[in-house]
Amino acid sequence: VTPGTYRSQLHFNTCHVEFKDIPTR
């Protein structure tokens, strides 16, 4: 919809995504 808003997927993730490692069985 708005190309160029973020430089890349990584840029978007850095700004908005939180990754957490959780232990799973």
PDBML (XML) file of the C-alpha atoms, coordinates in Angstrom:
<?xml version="1.0" encoding="UTF-8" ?>
<PDBx:datablock datablockName="MODEL"
   xmlns:PDBx="http://pdbml.pdb.org/schema/pdbx-v50.xsd"
   xmlns:xsi="http://www.w3.org/2001/XMLSchema-instance"
   xsi:schemaLocation="http://pdbml.pdb.org/schema/pdbx-v50.xsd pdbx-v50.xsd">
   <PDBx:atom_siteCategory>
      <PDBx:atom_site id="1">
         <PDBx:B_iso_or_equiv>0.00</PDBx:B_iso_or_equiv>
         <PDBx:Cartn_x>0.000</PDBx:Cartn_x>
         <PDBx:Cartn_y>0.000</PDBx:Cartn_y>
         <PDBx:Cartn_z>0.000</PDBx:Cartn_z>
         <PDBx:auth_asym_id>A</PDBx:auth_asym_id>
         <PDBx:auth_atom_id>CA</PDBx:auth_atom_id>
         <PDBx:auth_comp_id>VAL</PDBx:auth_comp_id>
         <PDBx:auth_seq_id>1</PDBx:auth_seq_id>
         <PDBx:group_PDB>ATOM</PDBx:group_PDB>
         <PDBx:label_alt_id xsi:nil="true" />
         <PDBx:label_asym_id>A</PDBx:label_asym_id>
         <PDBx:label_atom_id>CA</PDBx:label_atom_id>
         <PDBx:label_comp_id>VAL</PDBx:label_comp_id>
         <PDBx:label_entity_id>1</PDBx:label_entity_id>
         <PDBx:label_seq_id>1</PDBx:label_seq_id>
         <PDBx:occupancy>1.00</PDBx:occupancy>
         <PDBx:pdbx_PDB_model_num>1</PDBx:pdbx_PDB_model_num>
         <PDBx:type_symbol>C</PDBx:type_symbol>
      </PDBx:atom_site>
      <PDBx:atom_site id="2">
         <PDBx:B_iso_or_equiv>0.00</PDBx:B_iso_or_equiv>
         <PDBx:Cartn_x>2.820</PDBx:Cartn_x>
         <PDBx:Cartn_y>2.441</PDBx:Cartn_y>
         <PDBx:Cartn_z>0.864</PDBx:Cartn_z>
         <PDBx:auth_asym_id>A</PDBx:auth_asym_id>
         <PDBx:auth_atom_id>CA</PDBx:auth_atom_id>
         <PDBx:auth_comp_id>THR</PDBx:auth_comp_id>
         <PDBx:auth_seq_id>2</PDBx:auth_seq_id>
         <PDBx:group_PDB>ATOM</PDBx:group_PDB>
         <PDBx:label_alt_id xsi:nil="true" />
         <PDBx:label_asym_id>A</PDBx:label_asym_id>
         <PDBx:label_atom_id>CA</PDBx:label_atom_id>
         <PDBx:label_comp_id>THR</PDBx:label_comp_id>
         <PDBx:label_entity_id>1</PDBx:label_entity_id>
         <PDBx:label_seq_id>2</PDBx:label_seq_id>
         <PDBx:occupancy>1.00</PDBx:occupancy>
         <PDBx:pdbx_PDB_model_num>1</PDBx:pdbx_PDB_model_num>
         <PDBx:type_symbol>C</PDBx:type_symbol>
      </PDBx:atom_site>
      <PDBx:atom_site id="3">
         <PDBx:B_iso_or_equiv>0.00</PDBx:B_iso_or_equiv>
         <PDBx:Cartn_x>6.074</PDBx:Cartn_x>
         <PDBx:Cartn_y>1.135</PDBx:Cartn_y>
         <PDBx:Cartn_z>-0.627</PDBx:Cartn_z>
         <PDBx:auth_asym_id>A</PDBx:auth_asym_id>
         <PDBx:auth_atom_id>CA</PDBx:auth_atom_id>
         <PDBx:auth_comp_id>PRO</PDBx:auth_comp_id>
         <PDBx:auth_seq_id>3</PDBx:auth_seq_id>
         <PDBx:group_PDB>ATOM</PDBx:group_PDB>
         <PDBx:label_alt_id xsi:nil="true" />
         <PDBx:label_asym_id>A</PDBx:label_asym_id>
         <PDBx:label_atom_id>CA</PDBx:label_atom_id>
         <PDBx:label_comp_id>PRO</PDBx:label_comp_id>
         <PDBx:label_entity_id>1</PDBx:label_entity_id>
         <PDBx:label_seq_id>3</PDBx:label_seq_id>
         <PDBx:occupancy>1.00</PDBx:occupancy>
         <PDBx:pdbx_PDB_model_num>1</PDBx:pdbx_PDB_model_num>
         <PDBx:type_symbol>C</PDBx:type_symbol>
      </PDBx:atom_site>
      <PDBx:atom_site id="4">
         <PDBx:B_iso_or_equiv>0.00</PDBx:B_iso_or_equiv>
         <PDBx:Cartn_x>9.263</PDBx:Cartn_x>
         <PDBx:Cartn_y>2.294</PDBx:Cartn_y>
         <PDBx:Cartn_z>1.058</PDBx:Cartn_z>
         <PDBx:auth_asym_id>A</PDBx:auth_asym_id>
         <PDBx:auth_atom_id>CA</PDBx:auth_atom_id>
         <PDBx:auth_comp_id>GLY</PDBx:auth_comp_id>
         <PDBx:auth_seq_id>4</PDBx:auth_seq_id>
         <PDBx:group_PDB>ATOM</PDBx:group_PDB>
         <PDBx:label_alt_id xsi:nil="true" />
         <PDBx:label_asym_id>A</PDBx:label_asym_id>
         <PDBx:label_atom_id>CA</PDBx:label_atom_id>
         <PDBx:label_comp_id>GLY</PDBx:label_comp_id>
         <PDBx:label_entity_id>1</PDBx:label_entity_id>
         <PDBx:label_seq_id>4</PDBx:label_seq_id>
         <PDBx:occupancy>1.00</PDBx:occupancy>
         <PDBx:pdbx_PDB_model_num>1</PDBx:pdbx_PDB_model_num>
         <PDBx:type_symbol>C</PDBx:type_symbol>
      </PDBx:atom_site>
      <PDBx:atom_site id="5">
         <PDBx:B_iso_or_equiv>0.00</PDBx:B_iso_or_equiv>
         <PDBx:Cartn_x>7.730</PDBx:Cartn_x>
         <PDBx:Cartn_y>2.977</PDBx:Cartn_y>
         <PDBx:Cartn_z>4.464</PDBx:Cartn_z>
         <PDBx:auth_asym_id>A</PDBx:auth_asym_id>
         <PDBx:auth_atom_id>CA</PDBx:auth_atom_id>
         <PDBx:auth_comp_id>THR</PDBx:auth_comp_id>
         <PDBx:auth_seq_id>5</PDBx:auth_seq_id>
         <PDBx:group_PDB>ATOM</PDBx:group_PDB>
         <PDBx:label_alt_id xsi:nil="true" />
         <PDBx:label_asym_id>A</PDBx:label_asym_id>
         <PDBx:label_atom_id>CA</PDBx:label_atom_id>
         <PDBx:label_comp_id>THR</PDBx:label_comp_id>
         <PDBx:label_entity_id>1</PDBx:label_entity_id>
         <PDBx:label_seq_id>5</PDBx:label_seq_id>
         <PDBx:occupancy>1.00</PDBx:occupancy>
         <PDBx:pdbx_PDB_model_num>1</PDBx:pdbx_PDB_model_num>
         <PDBx:type_symbol>C</PDBx:type_symbol>
      </PDBx:atom_site>
      <PDBx:atom_site id="6">
         <PDBx:B_iso_or_equiv>0.00</PDBx:B_iso_or_equiv>
         <PDBx:Cartn_x>10.287</PDBx:Cartn_x>
         <PDBx:Cartn_y>0.509</PDBx:Cartn_y>
         <PDBx:Cartn_z>5.836</PDBx:Cartn_z>
         <PDBx:auth_asym_id>A</PDBx:auth_asym_id>
         <PDBx:auth_atom_id>CA</PDBx:auth_atom_id>
         <PDBx:auth_comp_id>TYR</PDBx:auth_comp_id>
         <PDBx:auth_seq_id>6</PDBx:auth_seq_id>
         <PDBx:group_PDB>ATOM</PDBx:group_PDB>
         <PDBx:label_alt_id xsi:nil="true" />
         <PDBx:label_asym_id>A</PDBx:label_asym_id>
         <PDBx:label_atom_id>CA</PDBx:label_atom_id>
         <PDBx:label_comp_id>TYR</PDBx:label_comp_id>
         <PDBx:label_entity_id>1</PDBx:label_entity_id>
         <PDBx:label_seq_id>6</PDBx:label_seq_id>
         <PDBx:occupancy>1.00</PDBx:occupancy>
         <PDBx:pdbx_PDB_model_num>1</PDBx:pdbx_PDB_model_num>
         <PDBx:type_symbol>C</PDBx:type_symbol>
      </PDBx:atom_site>
      <PDBx:atom_site id="7">
         <PDBx:B_iso_or_equiv>0.00</PDBx:B_iso_or_equiv>
         <PDBx:Cartn_x>13.693</PDBx:Cartn_x>
         <PDBx:Cartn_y>-0.255</PDBx:Cartn_y>
         <PDBx:Cartn_z>4.318</PDBx:Cartn_z>
         <PDBx:auth_asym_id>A</PDBx:auth_asym_id>
         <PDBx:auth_atom_id>CA</PDBx:auth_atom_id>
         <PDBx:auth_comp_id>ARG</PDBx:auth_comp_id>
         <PDBx:auth_seq_id>7</PDBx:auth_seq_id>
         <PDBx:group_PDB>ATOM</PDBx:group_PDB>
         <PDBx:label_alt_id xsi:nil="true" />
         <PDBx:label_asym_id>A</PDBx:label_asym_id>
         <PDBx:label_atom_id>CA</PDBx:label_atom_id>
         <PDBx:label_comp_id>ARG</PDBx:label_comp_id>
         <PDBx:label_entity_id>1</PDBx:label_entity_id>
         <PDBx:label_seq_id>7</PDBx:label_seq_id>
         <PDBx:occupancy>1.00</PDBx:occupancy>
         <PDBx:pdbx_PDB_model_num>1</PDBx:pdbx_PDB_model_num>
         <PDBx:type_symbol>C</PDBx:type_symbol>
      </PDBx:atom_site>
      <PDBx:atom_site id="8">
         <PDBx:B_iso_or_equiv>0.00</PDBx:B_iso_or_equiv>
         <PDBx:Cartn_x>13.167</PDBx:Cartn_x>
         <PDBx:Cartn_y>-4.006</PDBx:Cartn_y>
         <PDBx:Cartn_z>4.657</PDBx:Cartn_z>
         <PDBx:auth_asym_id>A</PDBx:auth_asym_id>
         <PDBx:auth_atom_id>CA</PDBx:auth_atom_id>
         <PDBx:auth_comp_id>SER</PDBx:auth_comp_id>
         <PDBx:auth_seq_id>8</PDBx:auth_seq_id>
         <PDBx:group_PDB>ATOM</PDBx:group_PDB>
         <PDBx:label_alt_id xsi:nil="true" />
         <PDBx:label_asym_id>A</PDBx:label_asym_id>
         <PDBx:label_atom_id>CA</PDBx:label_atom_id>
         <PDBx:label_comp_id>SER</PDBx:label_comp_id>
         <PDBx:label_entity_id>1</PDBx:label_entity_id>
         <PDBx:label_seq_id>8</PDBx:label_seq_id>
         <PDBx:occupancy>1.00</PDBx:occupancy>
         <PDBx:pdbx_PDB_model_num>1</PDBx:pdbx_PDB_model_num>
         <PDBx:type_symbol>C</PDBx:type_symbol>
      </PDBx:atom_site>
      <PDBx:atom_site id="9">
         <PDBx:B_iso_or_equiv>0.00</PDBx:B_iso_or_equiv>
         <PDBx:Cartn_x>11.405</PDBx:Cartn_x>
         <PDBx:Cartn_y>-6.739</PDBx:Cartn_y>
         <PDBx:Cartn_z>6.608</PDBx:Cartn_z>
         <PDBx:auth_asym_id>A</PDBx:auth_asym_id>
         <PDBx:auth_atom_id>CA</PDBx:auth_atom_id>
         <PDBx:auth_comp_id>GLN</PDBx:auth_comp_id>
         <PDBx:auth_seq_id>9</PDBx:auth_seq_id>
         <PDBx:group_PDB>ATOM</PDBx:group_PDB>
         <PDBx:label_alt_id xsi:nil="true" />
         <PDBx:label_asym_id>A</PDBx:label_asym_id>
         <PDBx:label_atom_id>CA</PDBx:label_atom_id>
         <PDBx:label_comp_id>GLN</PDBx:label_comp_id>
         <PDBx:label_entity_id>1</PDBx:label_entity_id>
         <PDBx:label_seq_id>9</PDBx:label_seq_id>
         <PDBx:occupancy>1.00</PDBx:occupancy>
         <PDBx:pdbx_PDB_model_num>1</PDBx:pdbx_PDB_model_num>
         <PDBx:type_symbol>C</PDBx:type_symbol>
      </PDBx:atom_site>
      <PDBx:atom_site id="10">
         <PDBx:B_iso_or_equiv>0.00</PDBx:B_iso_or_equiv>
         <PDBx:Cartn_x>14.267</PDBx:Cartn_x>
         <PDBx:Cartn_y>-6.556</PDBx:Cartn_y>
         <PDBx:Cartn_z>9.093</PDBx:Cartn_z>
         <PDBx:auth_asym_id>A</PDBx:auth_asym_id>
         <PDBx:auth_atom_id>CA</PDBx:auth_atom_id>
         <PDBx:auth_comp_id>LEU</PDBx:auth_comp_id>
         <PDBx:auth_seq_id>10</PDBx:auth_seq_id>
         <PDBx:group_PDB>ATOM</PDBx:group_PDB>
         <PDBx:label_alt_id xsi:nil="true" />
         <PDBx:label_asym_id>A</PDBx:label_asym_id>
         <PDBx:label_atom_id>CA</PDBx:label_atom_id>
         <PDBx:label_comp_id>LEU</PDBx:label_comp_id>
         <PDBx:label_entity_id>1</PDBx:label_entity_id>
         <PDBx:label_seq_id>10</PDBx:label_seq_id>
         <PDBx:occupancy>1.00</PDBx:occupancy>
         <PDBx:pdbx_PDB_model_num>1</PDBx:pdbx_PDB_model_num>
         <PDBx:type_symbol>C</PDBx:type_symbol>
      </PDBx:atom_site>
      <PDBx:atom_site id="11">
         <PDBx:B_iso_or_equiv>0.00</PDBx:B_iso_or_equiv>
         <PDBx:Cartn_x>13.698</PDBx:Cartn_x>
         <PDBx:Cartn_y>-2.810</PDBx:Cartn_y>
         <PDBx:Cartn_z>9.578</PDBx:Cartn_z>
         <PDBx:auth_asym_id>A</PDBx:auth_asym_id>
         <PDBx:auth_atom_id>CA</PDBx:auth_atom_id>
         <PDBx:auth_comp_id>HIS</PDBx:auth_comp_id>
         <PDBx:auth_seq_id>11</PDBx:auth_seq_id>
         <PDBx:group_PDB>ATOM</PDBx:group_PDB>
         <PDBx:label_alt_id xsi:nil="true" />
         <PDBx:label_asym_id>A</PDBx:label_asym_id>
         <PDBx:label_atom_id>CA</PDBx:label_atom_id>
         <PDBx:label_comp_id>HIS</PDBx:label_comp_id>
         <PDBx:label_entity_id>1</PDBx:label_entity_id>
         <PDBx:label_seq_id>11</PDBx:label_seq_id>
         <PDBx:occupancy>1.00</PDBx:occupancy>
         <PDBx:pdbx_PDB_model_num>1</PDBx:pdbx_PDB_model_num>
         <PDBx:type_symbol>C</PDBx:type_symbol>
      </PDBx:atom_site>
      <PDBx:atom_site id="12">
         <PDBx:B_iso_or_equiv>0.00</PDBx:B_iso_or_equiv>
         <PDBx:Cartn_x>9.987</PDBx:Cartn_x>
         <PDBx:Cartn_y>-3.435</PDBx:Cartn_y>
         <PDBx:Cartn_z>10.189</PDBx:Cartn_z>
         <PDBx:auth_asym_id>A</PDBx:auth_asym_id>
         <PDBx:auth_atom_id>CA</PDBx:auth_atom_id>
         <PDBx:auth_comp_id>PHE</PDBx:auth_comp_id>
         <PDBx:auth_seq_id>12</PDBx:auth_seq_id>
         <PDBx:group_PDB>ATOM</PDBx:group_PDB>
         <PDBx:label_alt_id xsi:nil="true" />
         <PDBx:label_asym_id>A</PDBx:label_asym_id>
         <PDBx:label_atom_id>CA</PDBx:label_atom_id>
         <PDBx:label_comp_id>PHE</PDBx:label_comp_id>
         <PDBx:label_entity_id>1</PDBx:label_entity_id>
         <PDBx:label_seq_id>12</PDBx:label_seq_id>
         <PDBx:occupancy>1.00</PDBx:occupancy>
         <PDBx:pdbx_PDB_model_num>1</PDBx:pdbx_PDB_model_num>
         <PDBx:type_symbol>C</PDBx:type_symbol>
      </PDBx:atom_site>
      <PDBx:atom_site id="13">
         <PDBx:B_iso_or_equiv>0.00</PDBx:B_iso_or_equiv>
         <PDBx:Cartn_x>10.803</PDBx:Cartn_x>
         <PDBx:Cartn_y>-6.223</PDBx:Cartn_y>
         <PDBx:Cartn_z>12.671</PDBx:Cartn_z>
         <PDBx:auth_asym_id>A</PDBx:auth_asym_id>
         <PDBx:auth_atom_id>CA</PDBx:auth_atom_id>
         <PDBx:auth_comp_id>ASN</PDBx:auth_comp_id>
         <PDBx:auth_seq_id>13</PDBx:auth_seq_id>
         <PDBx:group_PDB>ATOM</PDBx:group_PDB>
         <PDBx:label_alt_id xsi:nil="true" />
         <PDBx:label_asym_id>A</PDBx:label_asym_id>
         <PDBx:label_atom_id>CA</PDBx:label_atom_id>
         <PDBx:label_comp_id>ASN</PDBx:label_comp_id>
         <PDBx:label_entity_id>1</PDBx:label_entity_id>
         <PDBx:label_seq_id>13</PDBx:label_seq_id>
         <PDBx:occupancy>1.00</PDBx:occupancy>
         <PDBx:pdbx_PDB_model_num>1</PDBx:pdbx_PDB_model_num>
         <PDBx:type_symbol>C</PDBx:type_symbol>
      </PDBx:atom_site>
      <PDBx:atom_site id="14">
         <PDBx:B_iso_or_equiv>0.00</PDBx:B_iso_or_equiv>
         <PDBx:Cartn_x>13.315</PDBx:Cartn_x>
         <PDBx:Cartn_y>-4.036</PDBx:Cartn_y>
         <PDBx:Cartn_z>14.488</PDBx:Cartn_z>
         <PDBx:auth_asym_id>A</PDBx:auth_asym_id>
         <PDBx:auth_atom_id>CA</PDBx:auth_atom_id>
         <PDBx:auth_comp_id>THR</PDBx:auth_comp_id>
         <PDBx:auth_seq_id>14</PDBx:auth_seq_id>
         <PDBx:group_PDB>ATOM</PDBx:group_PDB>
         <PDBx:label_alt_id xsi:nil="true" />
         <PDBx:label_asym_id>A</PDBx:label_asym_id>
         <PDBx:label_atom_id>CA</PDBx:label_atom_id>
         <PDBx:label_comp_id>THR</PDBx:label_comp_id>
         <PDBx:label_entity_id>1</PDBx:label_entity_id>
         <PDBx:label_seq_id>14</PDBx:label_seq_id>
         <PDBx:occupancy>1.00</PDBx:occupancy>
         <PDBx:pdbx_PDB_model_num>1</PDBx:pdbx_PDB_model_num>
         <PDBx:type_symbol>C</PDBx:type_symbol>
      </PDBx:atom_site>
      <PDBx:atom_site id="15">
         <PDBx:B_iso_or_equiv>0.00</PDBx:B_iso_or_equiv>
         <PDBx:Cartn_x>10.698</PDBx:Cartn_x>
         <PDBx:Cartn_y>-1.306</PDBx:Cartn_y>
         <PDBx:Cartn_z>14.916</PDBx:Cartn_z>
         <PDBx:auth_asym_id>A</PDBx:auth_asym_id>
         <PDBx:auth_atom_id>CA</PDBx:auth_atom_id>
         <PDBx:auth_comp_id>CYS</PDBx:auth_comp_id>
         <PDBx:auth_seq_id>15</PDBx:auth_seq_id>
         <PDBx:group_PDB>ATOM</PDBx:group_PDB>
         <PDBx:label_alt_id xsi:nil="true" />
         <PDBx:label_asym_id>A</PDBx:label_asym_id>
         <PDBx:label_atom_id>CA</PDBx:label_atom_id>
         <PDBx:label_comp_id>CYS</PDBx:label_comp_id>
         <PDBx:label_entity_id>1</PDBx:label_entity_id>
         <PDBx:label_seq_id>15</PDBx:label_seq_id>
         <PDBx:occupancy>1.00</PDBx:occupancy>
         <PDBx:pdbx_PDB_model_num>1</PDBx:pdbx_PDB_model_num>
         <PDBx:type_symbol>C</PDBx:type_symbol>
      </PDBx:atom_site>
      <PDBx:atom_site id="16">
         <PDBx:B_iso_or_equiv>0.00</PDBx:B_iso_or_equiv>
         <PDBx:Cartn_x>7.650</PDBx:Cartn_x>
         <PDBx:Cartn_y>-3.397</PDBx:Cartn_y>
         <PDBx:Cartn_z>15.774</PDBx:Cartn_z>
         <PDBx:auth_asym_id>A</PDBx:auth_asym_id>
         <PDBx:auth_atom_id>CA</PDBx:auth_atom_id>
         <PDBx:auth_comp_id>HIS</PDBx:auth_comp_id>
         <PDBx:auth_seq_id>16</PDBx:auth_seq_id>
         <PDBx:group_PDB>ATOM</PDBx:group_PDB>
         <PDBx:label_alt_id xsi:nil="true" />
         <PDBx:label_asym_id>A</PDBx:label_asym_id>
         <PDBx:label_atom_id>CA</PDBx:label_atom_id>
         <PDBx:label_comp_id>HIS</PDBx:label_comp_id>
         <PDBx:label_entity_id>1</PDBx:label_entity_id>
         <PDBx:label_seq_id>16</PDBx:label_seq_id>
         <PDBx:occupancy>1.00</PDBx:occupancy>
         <PDBx:pdbx_PDB_model_num>1</PDBx:pdbx_PDB_model_num>
         <PDBx:type_symbol>C</PDBx:type_symbol>
      </PDBx:atom_site>
      <PDBx:atom_site id="17">
         <PDBx:B_iso_or_equiv>0.00</PDBx:B_iso_or_equiv>
         <PDBx:Cartn_x>8.288</PDBx:Cartn_x>
         <PDBx:Cartn_y>-7.066</PDBx:Cartn_y>
         <PDBx:Cartn_z>16.473</PDBx:Cartn_z>
         <PDBx:auth_asym_id>A</PDBx:auth_asym_id>
         <PDBx:auth_atom_id>CA</PDBx:auth_atom_id>
         <PDBx:auth_comp_id>VAL</PDBx:auth_comp_id>
         <PDBx:auth_seq_id>17</PDBx:auth_seq_id>
         <PDBx:group_PDB>ATOM</PDBx:group_PDB>
         <PDBx:label_alt_id xsi:nil="true" />
         <PDBx:label_asym_id>A</PDBx:label_asym_id>
         <PDBx:label_atom_id>CA</PDBx:label_atom_id>
         <PDBx:label_comp_id>VAL</PDBx:label_comp_id>
         <PDBx:label_entity_id>1</PDBx:label_entity_id>
         <PDBx:label_seq_id>17</PDBx:label_seq_id>
         <PDBx:occupancy>1.00</PDBx:occupancy>
         <PDBx:pdbx_PDB_model_num>1</PDBx:pdbx_PDB_model_num>
         <PDBx:type_symbol>C</PDBx:type_symbol>
      </PDBx:atom_site>
      <PDBx:atom_site id="18">
         <PDBx:B_iso_or_equiv>0.00</PDBx:B_iso_or_equiv>
         <PDBx:Cartn_x>9.451</PDBx:Cartn_x>
         <PDBx:Cartn_y>-8.587</PDBx:Cartn_y>
         <PDBx:Cartn_z>19.724</PDBx:Cartn_z>
         <PDBx:auth_asym_id>A</PDBx:auth_asym_id>
         <PDBx:auth_atom_id>CA</PDBx:auth_atom_id>
         <PDBx:auth_comp_id>GLU</PDBx:auth_comp_id>
         <PDBx:auth_seq_id>18</PDBx:auth_seq_id>
         <PDBx:group_PDB>ATOM</PDBx:group_PDB>
         <PDBx:label_alt_id xsi:nil="true" />
         <PDBx:label_asym_id>A</PDBx:label_asym_id>
         <PDBx:label_atom_id>CA</PDBx:label_atom_id>
         <PDBx:label_comp_id>GLU</PDBx:label_comp_id>
         <PDBx:label_entity_id>1</PDBx:label_entity_id>
         <PDBx:label_seq_id>18</PDBx:label_seq_id>
         <PDBx:occupancy>1.00</PDBx:occupancy>
         <PDBx:pdbx_PDB_model_num>1</PDBx:pdbx_PDB_model_num>
         <PDBx:type_symbol>C</PDBx:type_symbol>
      </PDBx:atom_site>
      <PDBx:atom_site id="19">
         <PDBx:B_iso_or_equiv>0.00</PDBx:B_iso_or_equiv>
         <PDBx:Cartn_x>10.890</PDBx:Cartn_x>
         <PDBx:Cartn_y>-12.069</PDBx:Cartn_y>
         <PDBx:Cartn_z>19.549</PDBx:Cartn_z>
         <PDBx:auth_asym_id>A</PDBx:auth_asym_id>
         <PDBx:auth_atom_id>CA</PDBx:auth_atom_id>
         <PDBx:auth_comp_id>PHE</PDBx:auth_comp_id>
         <PDBx:auth_seq_id>19</PDBx:auth_seq_id>
         <PDBx:group_PDB>ATOM</PDBx:group_PDB>
         <PDBx:label_alt_id xsi:nil="true" />
         <PDBx:label_asym_id>A</PDBx:label_asym_id>
         <PDBx:label_atom_id>CA</PDBx:label_atom_id>
         <PDBx:label_comp_id>PHE</PDBx:label_comp_id>
         <PDBx:label_entity_id>1</PDBx:label_entity_id>
         <PDBx:label_seq_id>19</PDBx:label_seq_id>
         <PDBx:occupancy>1.00</PDBx:occupancy>
         <PDBx:pdbx_PDB_model_num>1</PDBx:pdbx_PDB_model_num>
         <PDBx:type_symbol>C</PDBx:type_symbol>
      </PDBx:atom_site>
      <PDBx:atom_site id="20">
         <PDBx:B_iso_or_equiv>0.00</PDBx:B_iso_or_equiv>
         <PDBx:Cartn_x>10.935</PDBx:Cartn_x>
         <PDBx:Cartn_y>-14.193</PDBx:Cartn_y>
         <PDBx:Cartn_z>22.665</PDBx:Cartn_z>
         <PDBx:auth_asym_id>A</PDBx:auth_asym_id>
         <PDBx:auth_atom_id>CA</PDBx:auth_atom_id>
         <PDBx:auth_comp_id>LYS</PDBx:auth_comp_id>
         <PDBx:auth_seq_id>20</PDBx:auth_seq_id>
         <PDBx:group_PDB>ATOM</PDBx:group_PDB>
         <PDBx:label_alt_id xsi:nil="true" />
         <PDBx:label_asym_id>A</PDBx:label_asym_id>
         <PDBx:label_atom_id>CA</PDBx:label_atom_id>
         <PDBx:label_comp_id>LYS</PDBx:label_comp_id>
         <PDBx:label_entity_id>1</PDBx:label_entity_id>
         <PDBx:label_seq_id>20</PDBx:label_seq_id>
         <PDBx:occupancy>1.00</PDBx:occupancy>
         <PDBx:pdbx_PDB_model_num>1</PDBx:pdbx_PDB_model_num>
         <PDBx:type_symbol>C</PDBx:type_symbol>
      </PDBx:atom_site>
      <PDBx:atom_site id="21">
         <PDBx:B_iso_or_equiv>0.00</PDBx:B_iso_or_equiv>
         <PDBx:Cartn_x>12.381</PDBx:Cartn_x>
         <PDBx:Cartn_y>-17.639</PDBx:Cartn_y>
         <PDBx:Cartn_z>23.104</PDBx:Cartn_z>
         <PDBx:auth_asym_id>A</PDBx:auth_asym_id>
         <PDBx:auth_atom_id>CA</PDBx:auth_atom_id>
         <PDBx:auth_comp_id>ASP</PDBx:auth_comp_id>
         <PDBx:auth_seq_id>21</PDBx:auth_seq_id>
         <PDBx:group_PDB>ATOM</PDBx:group_PDB>
         <PDBx:label_alt_id xsi:nil="true" />
         <PDBx:label_asym_id>A</PDBx:label_asym_id>
         <PDBx:label_atom_id>CA</PDBx:label_atom_id>
         <PDBx:label_comp_id>ASP</PDBx:label_comp_id>
         <PDBx:label_entity_id>1</PDBx:label_entity_id>
         <PDBx:label_seq_id>21</PDBx:label_seq_id>
         <PDBx:occupancy>1.00</PDBx:occupancy>
         <PDBx:pdbx_PDB_model_num>1</PDBx:pdbx_PDB_model_num>
         <PDBx:type_symbol>C</PDBx:type_symbol>
      </PDBx:atom_site>
      <PDBx:atom_site id="22">
         <PDBx:B_iso_or_equiv>0.00</PDBx:B_iso_or_equiv>
         <PDBx:Cartn_x>10.104</PDBx:Cartn_x>
         <PDBx:Cartn_y>-19.773</PDBx:Cartn_y>
         <PDBx:Cartn_z>25.219</PDBx:Cartn_z>
         <PDBx:auth_asym_id>A</PDBx:auth_asym_id>
         <PDBx:auth_atom_id>CA</PDBx:auth_atom_id>
         <PDBx:auth_comp_id>ILE</PDBx:auth_comp_id>
         <PDBx:auth_seq_id>22</PDBx:auth_seq_id>
         <PDBx:group_PDB>ATOM</PDBx:group_PDB>
         <PDBx:label_alt_id xsi:nil="true" />
         <PDBx:label_asym_id>A</PDBx:label_asym_id>
         <PDBx:label_atom_id>CA</PDBx:label_atom_id>
         <PDBx:label_comp_id>ILE</PDBx:label_comp_id>
         <PDBx:label_entity_id>1</PDBx:label_entity_id>
         <PDBx:label_seq_id>22</PDBx:label_seq_id>
         <PDBx:occupancy>1.00</PDBx:occupancy>
         <PDBx:pdbx_PDB_model_num>1</PDBx:pdbx_PDB_model_num>
         <PDBx:type_symbol>C</PDBx:type_symbol>
      </PDBx:atom_site>
      <PDBx:atom_site id="23">
         <PDBx:B_iso_or_equiv>0.00</PDBx:B_iso_or_equiv>
         <PDBx:Cartn_x>10.812</PDBx:Cartn_x>
         <PDBx:Cartn_y>-23.348</PDBx:Cartn_y>
         <PDBx:Cartn_z>26.217</PDBx:Cartn_z>
         <PDBx:auth_asym_id>A</PDBx:auth_asym_id>
         <PDBx:auth_atom_id>CA</PDBx:auth_atom_id>
         <PDBx:auth_comp_id>PRO</PDBx:auth_comp_id>
         <PDBx:auth_seq_id>23</PDBx:auth_seq_id>
         <PDBx:group_PDB>ATOM</PDBx:group_PDB>
         <PDBx:label_alt_id xsi:nil="true" />
         <PDBx:label_asym_id>A</PDBx:label_asym_id>
         <PDBx:label_atom_id>CA</PDBx:label_atom_id>
         <PDBx:label_comp_id>PRO</PDBx:label_comp_id>
         <PDBx:label_entity_id>1</PDBx:label_entity_id>
         <PDBx:label_seq_id>23</PDBx:label_seq_id>
         <PDBx:occupancy>1.00</PDBx:occupancy>
         <PDBx:pdbx_PDB_model_num>1</PDBx:pdbx_PDB_model_num>
         <PDBx:type_symbol>C</PDBx:type_symbol>
      </PDBx:atom_site>
      <PDBx:atom_site id="24">
         <PDBx:B_iso_or_equiv>0.00</PDBx:B_iso_or_equiv>
         <PDBx:Cartn_x>8.397</PDBx:Cartn_x>
         <PDBx:Cartn_y>-25.837</PDBx:Cartn_y>
         <PDBx:Cartn_z>24.733</PDBx:Cartn_z>
         <PDBx:auth_asym_id>A</PDBx:auth_asym_id>
         <PDBx:auth_atom_id>CA</PDBx:auth_atom_id>
         <PDBx:auth_comp_id>THR</PDBx:auth_comp_id>
         <PDBx:auth_seq_id>24</PDBx:auth_seq_id>
         <PDBx:group_PDB>ATOM</PDBx:group_PDB>
         <PDBx:label_alt_id xsi:nil="true" />
         <PDBx:label_asym_id>A</PDBx:label_asym_id>
         <PDBx:label_atom_id>CA</PDBx:label_atom_id>
         <PDBx:label_comp_id>THR</PDBx:label_comp_id>
         <PDBx:label_entity_id>1</PDBx:label_entity_id>
         <PDBx:label_seq_id>24</PDBx:label_seq_id>
         <PDBx:occupancy>1.00</PDBx:occupancy>
         <PDBx:pdbx_PDB_model_num>1</PDBx:pdbx_PDB_model_num>
         <PDBx:type_symbol>C</PDBx:type_symbol>
      </PDBx:atom_site>
      <PDBx:atom_site id="25">
         <PDBx:B_iso_or_equiv>0.00</PDBx:B_iso_or_equiv>
         <PDBx:Cartn_x>7.980</PDBx:Cartn_x>
         <PDBx:Cartn_y>-29.559</PDBx:Cartn_y>
         <PDBx:Cartn_z>25.101</PDBx:Cartn_z>
         <PDBx:auth_asym_id>A</PDBx:auth_asym_id>
         <PDBx:auth_atom_id>CA</PDBx:auth_atom_id>
         <PDBx:auth_comp_id>ARG</PDBx:auth_comp_id>
         <PDBx:auth_seq_id>25</PDBx:auth_seq_id>
         <PDBx:group_PDB>ATOM</PDBx:group_PDB>
         <PDBx:label_alt_id xsi:nil="true" />
         <PDBx:label_asym_id>A</PDBx:label_asym_id>
         <PDBx:label_atom_id>CA</PDBx:label_atom_id>
         <PDBx:label_comp_id>ARG</PDBx:label_comp_id>
         <PDBx:label_entity_id>1</PDBx:label_entity_id>
         <PDBx:label_seq_id>25</PDBx:label_seq_id>
         <PDBx:occupancy>1.00</PDBx:occupancy>
         <PDBx:pdbx_PDB_model_num>1</PDBx:pdbx_PDB_model_num>
         <PDBx:type_symbol>C</PDBx:type_symbol>
      </PDBx:atom_site>
   </PDBx:atom_siteCategory>
</PDBx:datablock>
